[in-house]
Protein backbone atom coordinates (compact mmCIF):
# COMPACT_ATOMS: atom_id res chain seq x y z
CA UNK A 1 103.31 56.50 87.27
CA UNK A 2 102.89 59.18 89.89
CA UNK A 3 100.30 59.02 92.63
CA UNK A 4 98.48 62.30 93.31
CA UNK A 5 97.84 61.43 96.94
CA UNK A 6 101.61 61.67 97.58
CA UNK A 7 101.75 65.23 96.21
CA UNK A 8 98.61 66.77 97.69
CA UNK A 9 100.24 67.62 101.01
CA UNK A 10 102.45 70.22 99.29
CA UNK A 11 99.45 71.74 97.48
CA UNK A 12 97.38 71.91 100.69
CA UNK A 13 100.28 73.50 102.62
CA UNK A 14 100.78 76.17 99.94
CA UNK A 15 97.04 76.86 99.57
CA UNK A 16 96.58 77.16 103.34
CA UNK A 17 99.40 79.69 103.50
CA UNK A 18 98.02 82.07 100.86
CA UNK A 19 99.39 80.61 97.60
CA UNK A 20 102.41 82.89 97.32
CA UNK A 21 104.05 83.02 93.88
CA UNK A 22 107.33 81.78 95.36
CA UNK A 23 105.72 78.73 96.97
CA UNK A 24 103.63 77.97 93.88
CA UNK A 25 106.76 78.06 91.71
CA UNK A 26 108.05 75.00 93.57
CA UNK A 27 105.10 72.79 92.55
CA UNK A 28 104.01 74.13 89.13
CA UNK A 29 105.59 72.56 86.03
CA UNK A 30 106.83 74.81 83.22
CA UNK A 31 104.24 73.34 80.83
CA UNK A 32 101.30 73.64 83.24
CA UNK A 33 97.88 74.66 81.91
CA UNK A 34 95.19 76.41 83.97
CA UNK A 35 91.49 76.15 83.12
CA UNK A 36 89.52 78.94 84.78
CA UNK A 37 85.80 78.88 85.49
CA UNK A 38 85.56 82.41 84.08
CA UNK A 39 88.14 82.55 81.24
CA UNK A 40 87.14 80.45 78.24
CA UNK A 41 90.66 79.77 76.93
CA UNK A 42 93.19 77.62 78.79
CA UNK A 43 96.05 79.63 80.27
CA UNK A 44 99.33 77.87 79.43
CA UNK A 45 102.72 78.31 81.04
CA UNK A 46 104.11 78.42 84.55
CA UNK A 47 104.02 82.22 84.91
CA UNK A 48 100.34 82.49 83.92
CA UNK A 49 99.30 79.59 86.14
CA UNK A 50 101.16 81.07 89.10
CA UNK A 51 99.51 84.47 88.48
CA UNK A 52 96.01 82.95 88.47
CA UNK A 53 96.54 80.66 91.47
CA UNK A 54 98.21 83.40 93.49
CA UNK A 55 95.35 85.81 92.73
CA UNK A 56 92.88 83.08 93.72
CA UNK A 57 94.70 82.61 97.02
CA UNK A 58 94.36 86.32 97.76
CA UNK A 59 90.74 86.46 96.55
CA UNK A 60 89.67 83.54 98.74
CA UNK A 61 91.56 84.66 101.85
CA UNK A 62 89.16 85.26 104.76
CA UNK A 63 86.18 83.75 102.90
CA UNK A 64 85.94 80.51 104.84
CA UNK A 65 87.51 78.64 101.92
CA UNK A 66 87.80 74.99 102.88
CA UNK A 67 88.57 71.77 101.09
CA UNK A 68 85.91 69.25 102.13
CA UNK A 69 86.86 66.20 100.06
CA UNK A 70 89.87 64.81 98.18
CA UNK A 71 89.55 62.05 95.60
CA UNK A 72 92.62 60.67 93.86
CA UNK A 73 93.19 58.28 90.98
CA UNK A 74 96.76 57.79 89.76
CA UNK A 75 98.20 61.20 88.86
CA UNK A 76 94.80 62.92 89.14
CA UNK A 77 93.10 64.56 92.11
CA UNK A 78 89.70 66.15 92.54
CA UNK A 79 89.41 68.47 95.52
CA UNK A 80 85.95 69.72 96.48
CA UNK A 81 85.82 73.09 98.23
CA UNK A 82 83.36 75.52 99.75
CA UNK A 83 83.62 79.25 100.39
CA UNK A 84 81.53 82.34 100.97
CA UNK A 85 82.16 85.37 98.73
CA UNK A 86 80.28 88.47 99.84
CA UNK A 87 77.40 86.38 101.18
CA UNK A 88 77.31 83.98 98.22
CA UNK A 89 77.84 80.38 99.31
CA UNK A 90 79.80 78.59 96.62
CA UNK A 91 80.83 75.04 95.95
CA UNK A 92 83.51 73.97 93.52
CA UNK A 93 86.19 71.52 92.56
CA UNK A 94 89.85 71.76 91.66
CA UNK A 95 90.92 69.04 89.22
CA UNK A 96 94.70 68.64 89.41
CA UNK A 97 97.06 66.42 87.43
CA UNK A 98 100.65 65.82 88.56
CA UNK A 99 103.63 64.72 86.47
CA UNK A 100 106.11 62.03 87.53
CA UNK A 101 108.20 64.64 89.35
CA UNK A 102 105.22 65.64 91.53
CA UNK A 103 104.67 68.98 89.81
CA UNK A 104 101.25 70.19 88.70
CA UNK A 105 100.81 70.00 84.91
CA UNK A 106 97.06 70.70 84.67
CA UNK A 107 94.73 72.62 86.99
CA UNK A 108 91.02 73.00 86.24
CA UNK A 109 88.51 74.83 88.43
CA UNK A 110 84.73 74.44 88.29
CA UNK A 111 82.36 76.49 90.47
CA UNK A 112 78.64 76.72 91.14
CA UNK A 113 76.17 78.47 91.35
CA UNK A 114 76.24 80.99 88.51
CA UNK A 115 76.14 84.03 90.81
CA UNK A 116 79.29 82.67 92.51
CA UNK A 117 81.00 82.38 89.12
CA UNK A 118 80.07 85.99 88.39
CA UNK A 119 81.41 87.12 91.79
CA UNK A 120 84.69 85.25 91.19
CA UNK A 121 85.02 86.92 87.78
CA UNK A 122 84.59 90.33 89.42
CA UNK A 123 86.92 89.69 92.36
CA UNK A 124 89.62 87.80 90.47
CA UNK A 125 89.69 90.44 87.74
CA UNK A 126 90.26 93.14 90.33
CA UNK A 127 92.97 91.11 92.08
CA UNK A 128 94.81 90.32 88.84
CA UNK A 129 94.74 94.02 87.95
CA UNK A 130 96.18 94.95 91.38
CA UNK A 131 98.89 92.31 90.99
CA UNK A 132 99.76 93.60 87.52
CA UNK A 133 100.11 97.19 88.81
CA UNK A 134 102.19 96.05 91.78
CA UNK A 135 104.55 94.13 89.47
CA UNK A 136 105.18 97.14 87.52
């Protein structure tokens, strides 16, 4: 069984460097599922997960985003983070599950307070739209 603590260094390195699609592709499994705090249906598949995580990396750039705690148990990790979006102080967690090859197979994000969730919905929607237009 895999141990999440062995794989978190790669995630932290990629997140700290902006979560580029190319870097994310190296750690996201083909069957990965993303659970967004603002989209009610799970987003399945590597391409969708990369799109969401890359947009999140751009959205949270220059917001003081910081991981403040990591908790691991077997293949699972819970990473607590803080950030400030347009003056809204937010707190959240990323729940990540790794497969035996060290790739992410499940990524769930939870955020509080409600006005932060609403701000993420607004900002992420705009970023995903920009990314879609840039792709073509």
